[in-house]
PDB file of all heavy atoms in Angstrom:
ATOM      1  N   PRO A   1     -13.075  56.662  30.304  1.00  0.00           N
ATOM      2  CA  PRO A   1     -13.585  57.853  29.625  1.00  0.00           C
ATOM      3  C   PRO A   1     -13.820  59.017  30.613  1.00  0.00           C
ATOM      4  O   PRO A   1     -14.314  58.716  31.755  1.00  0.00           O
ATOM      5  CB  PRO A   1     -14.815  57.478  28.929  1.00  0.00           C
ATOM      6  CG  PRO A   1     -15.267  56.231  29.606  1.00  0.00           C
ATOM      7  CD  PRO A   1     -14.064  55.547  30.257  1.00  0.00           C
ATOM      8  N   LEU A   2     -13.596  60.235  30.236  1.00  0.00           N
ATOM      9  CA  LEU A   2     -13.878  61.375  31.079  1.00  0.00           C
ATOM     10  C   LEU A   2     -15.341  61.612  31.168  1.00  0.00           C
ATOM     11  O   LEU A   2     -16.071  61.386  30.110  1.00  0.00           O
ATOM     12  CB  LEU A   2     -13.182  62.582  30.547  1.00  0.00           C
ATOM     13  CG  LEU A   2     -11.635  62.638  30.608  1.00  0.00           C
ATOM     14  CD1 LEU A   2     -11.098  63.943  29.905  1.00  0.00           C
ATOM     15  CD2 LEU A   2     -11.251  62.590  32.068  1.00  0.00           C
ATOM     16  N   PRO A   3     -15.886  62.028  32.264  1.00  0.00           N
ATOM     17  CA  PRO A   3     -17.327  62.303  32.368  1.00  0.00           C
ATOM     18  C   PRO A   3     -17.635  63.493  31.471  1.00  0.00           C
ATOM     19  O   PRO A   3     -16.823  64.373  31.229  1.00  0.00           O
ATOM     20  CB  PRO A   3     -17.582  62.599  33.858  1.00  0.00           C
ATOM     21  CG  PRO A   3     -16.247  62.923  34.374  1.00  0.00           C
ATOM     22  CD  PRO A   3     -15.217  62.236  33.549  1.00  0.00           C
ATOM     23  N   ALA A   4     -18.875  63.536  31.037  1.00  0.00           N
ATOM     24  CA  ALA A   4     -19.368  64.743  30.258  1.00  0.00           C
ATOM     25  C   ALA A   4     -19.390  65.943  31.123  1.00  0.00           C
ATOM     26  O   ALA A   4     -19.777  65.821  32.326  1.00  0.00           O
ATOM     27  CB  ALA A   4     -20.814  64.431  29.690  1.00  0.00           C
ATOM     28  N   VAL A   5     -19.032  67.057  30.550  1.00  0.00           N
ATOM     29  CA  VAL A   5     -18.955  68.335  31.283  1.00  0.00           C
ATOM     30  C   VAL A   5     -20.124  69.253  30.633  1.00  0.00           C
ATOM     31  O   VAL A   5     -20.111  69.404  29.479  1.00  0.00           O
ATOM     32  CB  VAL A   5     -17.614  69.036  31.236  1.00  0.00           C
ATOM     33  CG1 VAL A   5     -17.709  70.352  31.861  1.00  0.00           C
ATOM     34  CG2 VAL A   5     -16.558  68.192  31.835  1.00  0.00           C
ATOM     35  N   GLN A   6     -20.953  69.735  31.508  1.00  0.00           N
ATOM     36  CA  GLN A   6     -22.036  70.615  31.106  1.00  0.00           C
ATOM     37  C   GLN A   6     -21.943  71.892  31.967  1.00  0.00           C
ATOM     38  O   GLN A   6     -22.154  71.768  33.173  1.00  0.00           O
ATOM     39  CB  GLN A   6     -23.354  69.948  31.137  1.00  0.00           C
ATOM     40  CG  GLN A   6     -24.512  70.812  30.774  1.00  0.00           C
ATOM     41  CD  GLN A   6     -25.846  70.184  30.860  1.00  0.00           C
ATOM     42  OE1 GLN A   6     -25.921  68.981  30.899  1.00  0.00           O
ATOM     43  NE2 GLN A   6     -26.878  70.933  30.961  1.00  0.00           N
ATOM     44  N   ILE A   7     -21.745  72.979  31.379  1.00  0.00           N
ATOM     45  CA  ILE A   7     -21.640  74.285  32.104  1.00  0.00           C
ATOM     46  C   ILE A   7     -22.906  75.092  31.710  1.00  0.00           C
ATOM     47  O   ILE A   7     -23.017  75.443  30.522  1.00  0.00           O
ATOM     48  CB  ILE A   7     -20.326  74.992  31.787  1.00  0.00           C
ATOM     49  CG1 ILE A   7     -19.116  74.200  32.262  1.00  0.00           C
ATOM     50  CG2 ILE A   7     -20.374  76.358  32.471  1.00  0.00           C
ATOM     51  CD1 ILE A   7     -17.858  74.730  31.870  1.00  0.00           C
ATOM     52  N   ASP A   8     -23.786  75.378  32.681  1.00  0.00           N
ATOM     53  CA  ASP A   8     -25.003  76.090  32.414  1.00  0.00           C
ATOM     54  C   ASP A   8     -24.825  77.535  32.745  1.00  0.00           C
ATOM     55  O   ASP A   8     -25.745  78.141  33.428  1.00  0.00           O
ATOM     56  CB  ASP A   8     -26.188  75.508  33.212  1.00  0.00           C
ATOM     57  CG  ASP A   8     -26.458  74.064  32.700  1.00  0.00           C
ATOM     58  OD1 ASP A   8     -26.290  73.788  31.553  1.00  0.00           O
ATOM     59  OD2 ASP A   8     -26.819  73.217  33.553  1.00  0.00           O
ATOM     60  N   ALA A   9     -23.762  78.170  32.442  1.00  0.00           N
ATOM     61  CA  ALA A   9     -23.533  79.609  32.618  1.00  0.00           C
ATOM     62  C   ALA A   9     -22.834  80.262  31.477  1.00  0.00           C
ATOM     63  O   ALA A   9     -22.150  79.553  30.735  1.00  0.00           O
ATOM     64  CB  ALA A   9     -22.703  79.759  33.859  1.00  0.00           C
ATOM     65  N   ASP A  10     -23.162  81.490  31.273  1.00  0.00           N
ATOM     66  CA  ASP A  10     -22.464  82.253  30.164  1.00  0.00           C
ATOM     67  C   ASP A  10     -21.082  82.644  30.559  1.00  0.00           C
ATOM     68  O   ASP A  10     -20.658  82.518  31.755  1.00  0.00           O
ATOM     69  CB  ASP A  10     -23.323  83.411  29.711  1.00  0.00           C
ATOM     70  CG  ASP A  10     -23.518  84.433  30.862  1.00  0.00           C
ATOM     71  OD1 ASP A  10     -22.618  85.267  31.072  1.00  0.00           O
ATOM     72  OD2 ASP A  10     -24.529  84.335  31.511  1.00  0.00           O
ATOM     73  N   THR A  11     -20.302  83.090  29.603  1.00  0.00           N
ATOM     74  CA  THR A  11     -18.935  83.448  29.840  1.00  0.00           C
ATOM     75  C   THR A  11     -18.700  84.542  30.862  1.00  0.00           C
ATOM     76  O   THR A  11     -17.815  84.419  31.747  1.00  0.00           O
ATOM     77  CB  THR A  11     -18.296  83.919  28.400  1.00  0.00           C
ATOM     78  OG1 THR A  11     -18.468  82.837  27.520  1.00  0.00           O
ATOM     79  CG2 THR A  11     -16.829  84.185  28.637  1.00  0.00           C
ATOM     80  N   MET A  12     -19.555  85.582  30.844  1.00  0.00           N
ATOM     81  CA  MET A  12     -19.456  86.639  31.773  1.00  0.00           C
ATOM     82  C   MET A  12     -19.749  86.181  33.255  1.00  0.00           C
ATOM     83  O   MET A  12     -19.056  86.637  34.183  1.00  0.00           O
ATOM     84  CB  MET A  12     -20.397  87.827  31.480  1.00  0.00           C
ATOM     85  CG  MET A  12     -19.889  88.529  30.215  1.00  0.00           C
ATOM     86  SD  MET A  12     -18.130  89.081  30.207  1.00  0.00           S
ATOM     87  CE  MET A  12     -18.096  90.246  31.599  1.00  0.00           C
ATOM     88  N   THR A  13     -20.646  85.286  33.409  1.00  0.00           N
ATOM     89  CA  THR A  13     -20.890  84.761  34.678  1.00  0.00           C
ATOM     90  C   THR A  13     -19.732  83.951  35.239  1.00  0.00           C
ATOM     91  O   THR A  13     -19.255  84.062  36.428  1.00  0.00           O
ATOM     92  CB  THR A  13     -22.187  83.835  34.658  1.00  0.00           C
ATOM     93  OG1 THR A  13     -23.245  84.620  34.251  1.00  0.00           O
ATOM     94  CG2 THR A  13     -22.464  83.234  36.043  1.00  0.00           C
ATOM     95  N   LEU A  14     -19.132  83.151  34.321  1.00  0.00           N
ATOM     96  CA  LEU A  14     -17.970  82.445  34.791  1.00  0.00           C
ATOM     97  C   LEU A  14     -16.779  83.339  35.102  1.00  0.00           C
ATOM     98  O   LEU A  14     -16.029  83.104  36.059  1.00  0.00           O
ATOM     99  CB  LEU A  14     -17.542  81.454  33.645  1.00  0.00           C
ATOM    100  CG  LEU A  14     -18.517  80.277  33.341  1.00  0.00           C
ATOM    101  CD1 LEU A  14     -18.047  79.493  32.136  1.00  0.00           C
ATOM    102  CD2 LEU A  14     -18.687  79.447  34.620  1.00  0.00           C
ATOM    103  N   ILE A  15     -16.580  84.406  34.380  1.00  0.00           N
ATOM    104  CA  ILE A  15     -15.488  85.331  34.628  1.00  0.00           C
ATOM    105  C   ILE A  15     -15.721  86.044  36.025  1.00  0.00           C
ATOM    106  O   ILE A  15     -14.876  86.128  36.884  1.00  0.00           O
ATOM    107  CB  ILE A  15     -15.351  86.350  33.516  1.00  0.00           C
ATOM    108  CG1 ILE A  15     -14.808  85.679  32.304  1.00  0.00           C
ATOM    109  CG2 ILE A  15     -14.520  87.537  33.998  1.00  0.00           C
ATOM    110  CD1 ILE A  15     -14.845  86.598  31.019  1.00  0.00           C
ATOM    111  N   ALA A  16     -16.944  86.422  36.256  1.00  0.00           N
ATOM    112  CA  ALA A  16     -17.338  87.067  37.512  1.00  0.00           C
ATOM    113  C   ALA A  16     -17.071  86.088  38.626  1.00  0.00           C
ATOM    114  O   ALA A  16     -16.584  86.442  39.769  1.00  0.00           O
ATOM    115  CB  ALA A  16     -18.794  87.565  37.443  1.00  0.00           C
ATOM    116  N   ALA A  17     -17.570  84.811  38.476  1.00  0.00           N
ATOM    117  CA  ALA A  17     -17.389  83.858  39.548  1.00  0.00           C
ATOM    118  C   ALA A  17     -15.903  83.604  39.815  1.00  0.00           C
ATOM    119  O   ALA A  17     -15.489  83.462  40.960  1.00  0.00           O
ATOM    120  CB  ALA A  17     -18.046  82.537  39.143  1.00  0.00           C
ATOM    121  N   GLY A  18     -15.029  83.502  38.821  1.00  0.00           N
ATOM    122  CA  GLY A  18     -13.642  83.348  38.988  1.00  0.00           C
ATOM    123  C   GLY A  18     -12.967  84.485  39.763  1.00  0.00           C
ATOM    124  O   GLY A  18     -12.076  84.258  40.625  1.00  0.00           O
ATOM    125  N   LEU A  19     -13.409  85.683  39.395  1.00  0.00           N
ATOM    126  CA  LEU A  19     -12.807  86.915  40.110  1.00  0.00           C
ATOM    127  C   LEU A  19     -13.295  86.947  41.531  1.00  0.00           C
ATOM    128  O   LEU A  19     -12.473  87.253  42.416  1.00  0.00           O
ATOM    129  CB  LEU A  19     -13.259  88.160  39.347  1.00  0.00           C
ATOM    130  CG  LEU A  19     -12.603  88.368  37.988  1.00  0.00           C
ATOM    131  CD1 LEU A  19     -13.187  89.615  37.267  1.00  0.00           C
ATOM    132  CD2 LEU A  19     -11.141  88.518  38.148  1.00  0.00           C
ATOM    133  N   LEU A  20     -14.511  86.544  41.816  1.00  0.00           N
ATOM    134  CA  LEU A  20     -15.027  86.548  43.182  1.00  0.00           C
ATOM    135  C   LEU A  20     -14.314  85.407  43.990  1.00  0.00           C
ATOM    136  O   LEU A  20     -13.915  85.670  45.199  1.00  0.00           O
ATOM    137  CB  LEU A  20     -16.463  86.204  43.228  1.00  0.00           C
ATOM    138  CG  LEU A  20     -17.366  87.500  42.807  1.00  0.00           C
ATOM    139  CD1 LEU A  20     -18.846  87.064  42.640  1.00  0.00           C
ATOM    140  CD2 LEU A  20     -17.210  88.596  43.858  1.00  0.00           C
ATOM    141  N   VAL A  21     -14.005  84.307  43.353  1.00  0.00           N
ATOM    142  CA  VAL A  21     -13.273  83.261  44.125  1.00  0.00           C
ATOM    143  C   VAL A  21     -11.865  83.719  44.364  1.00  0.00           C
ATOM    144  O   VAL A  21     -11.345  83.538  45.478  1.00  0.00           O
ATOM    145  CB  VAL A  21     -13.258  81.943  43.252  1.00  0.00           C
ATOM    146  CG1 VAL A  21     -12.226  80.953  43.852  1.00  0.00           C
ATOM    147  CG2 VAL A  21     -14.626  81.330  43.247  1.00  0.00           C
ATOM    148  N   GLY A  22     -11.293  84.354  43.398  1.00  0.00           N
ATOM    149  CA  GLY A  22      -9.886  84.903  43.676  1.00  0.00           C
ATOM    150  C   GLY A  22      -9.896  85.960  44.750  1.00  0.00           C
ATOM    151  O   GLY A  22      -8.981  85.958  45.656  1.00  0.00           O
ATOM    152  N   LEU A  23     -10.921  86.815  44.718  1.00  0.00           N
ATOM    153  CA  LEU A  23     -11.009  87.830  45.798  1.00  0.00           C
ATOM    154  C   LEU A  23     -11.202  87.198  47.204  1.00  0.00           C
ATOM    155  O   LEU A  23     -10.565  87.618  48.179  1.00  0.00           O
ATOM    156  CB  LEU A  23     -12.139  88.712  45.476  1.00  0.00           C
ATOM    157  CG  LEU A  23     -12.368  89.953  46.387  1.00  0.00           C
ATOM    158  CD1 LEU A  23     -11.169  90.885  46.340  1.00  0.00           C
ATOM    159  CD2 LEU A  23     -13.624  90.735  46.024  1.00  0.00           C
ATOM    160  N   GLY A  24     -12.005  86.144  47.185  1.00  0.00           N
ATOM    161  CA  GLY A  24     -12.286  85.440  48.415  1.00  0.00           C
ATOM    162  C   GLY A  24     -11.006  84.754  48.972  1.00  0.00           C
ATOM    163  O   GLY A  24     -10.817  84.713  50.161  1.00  0.00           O
ATOM    164  N   THR A  25     -10.169  84.231  48.051  1.00  0.00           N
ATOM    165  CA  THR A  25      -8.943  83.553  48.567  1.00  0.00           C
ATOM    166  C   THR A  25      -7.979  84.631  49.168  1.00  0.00           C
ATOM    167  O   THR A  25      -7.272  84.262  50.044  1.00  0.00           O
ATOM    168  CB  THR A  25      -8.261  82.755  47.452  1.00  0.00           C
ATOM    169  OG1 THR A  25      -7.866  83.651  46.380  1.00  0.00           O
ATOM    170  CG2 THR A  25      -9.077  81.684  46.903  1.00  0.00           C
ATOM    171  N   ARG A  26      -8.077  85.816  48.641  1.00  0.00           N
ATOM    172  CA  ARG A  26      -7.185  86.880  49.178  1.00  0.00           C
ATOM    173  C   ARG A  26      -7.726  87.233  50.655  1.00  0.00           C
ATOM    174  O   ARG A  26      -6.914  87.405  51.552  1.00  0.00           O
ATOM    175  CB  ARG A  26      -7.087  88.089  48.360  1.00  0.00           C
ATOM    176  CG  ARG A  26      -6.373  87.833  47.013  1.00  0.00           C
ATOM    177  CD  ARG A  26      -4.966  87.390  47.151  1.00  0.00           C
ATOM    178  NE  ARG A  26      -4.172  88.442  47.798  1.00  0.00           N
ATOM    179  CZ  ARG A  26      -2.995  88.188  48.388  1.00  0.00           C
ATOM    180  NH1 ARG A  26      -2.508  86.969  48.371  1.00  0.00           N
ATOM    181  NH2 ARG A  26      -2.351  89.192  48.940  1.00  0.00           N
TER     182      ARG A  26
END
């Protein structure tokens, strides 16, 4: 069985985090 996933952040925080990670990789 897959482990349970719990995300304690709202959608906007996740979007901002994803954009920052993308910027960091560049």
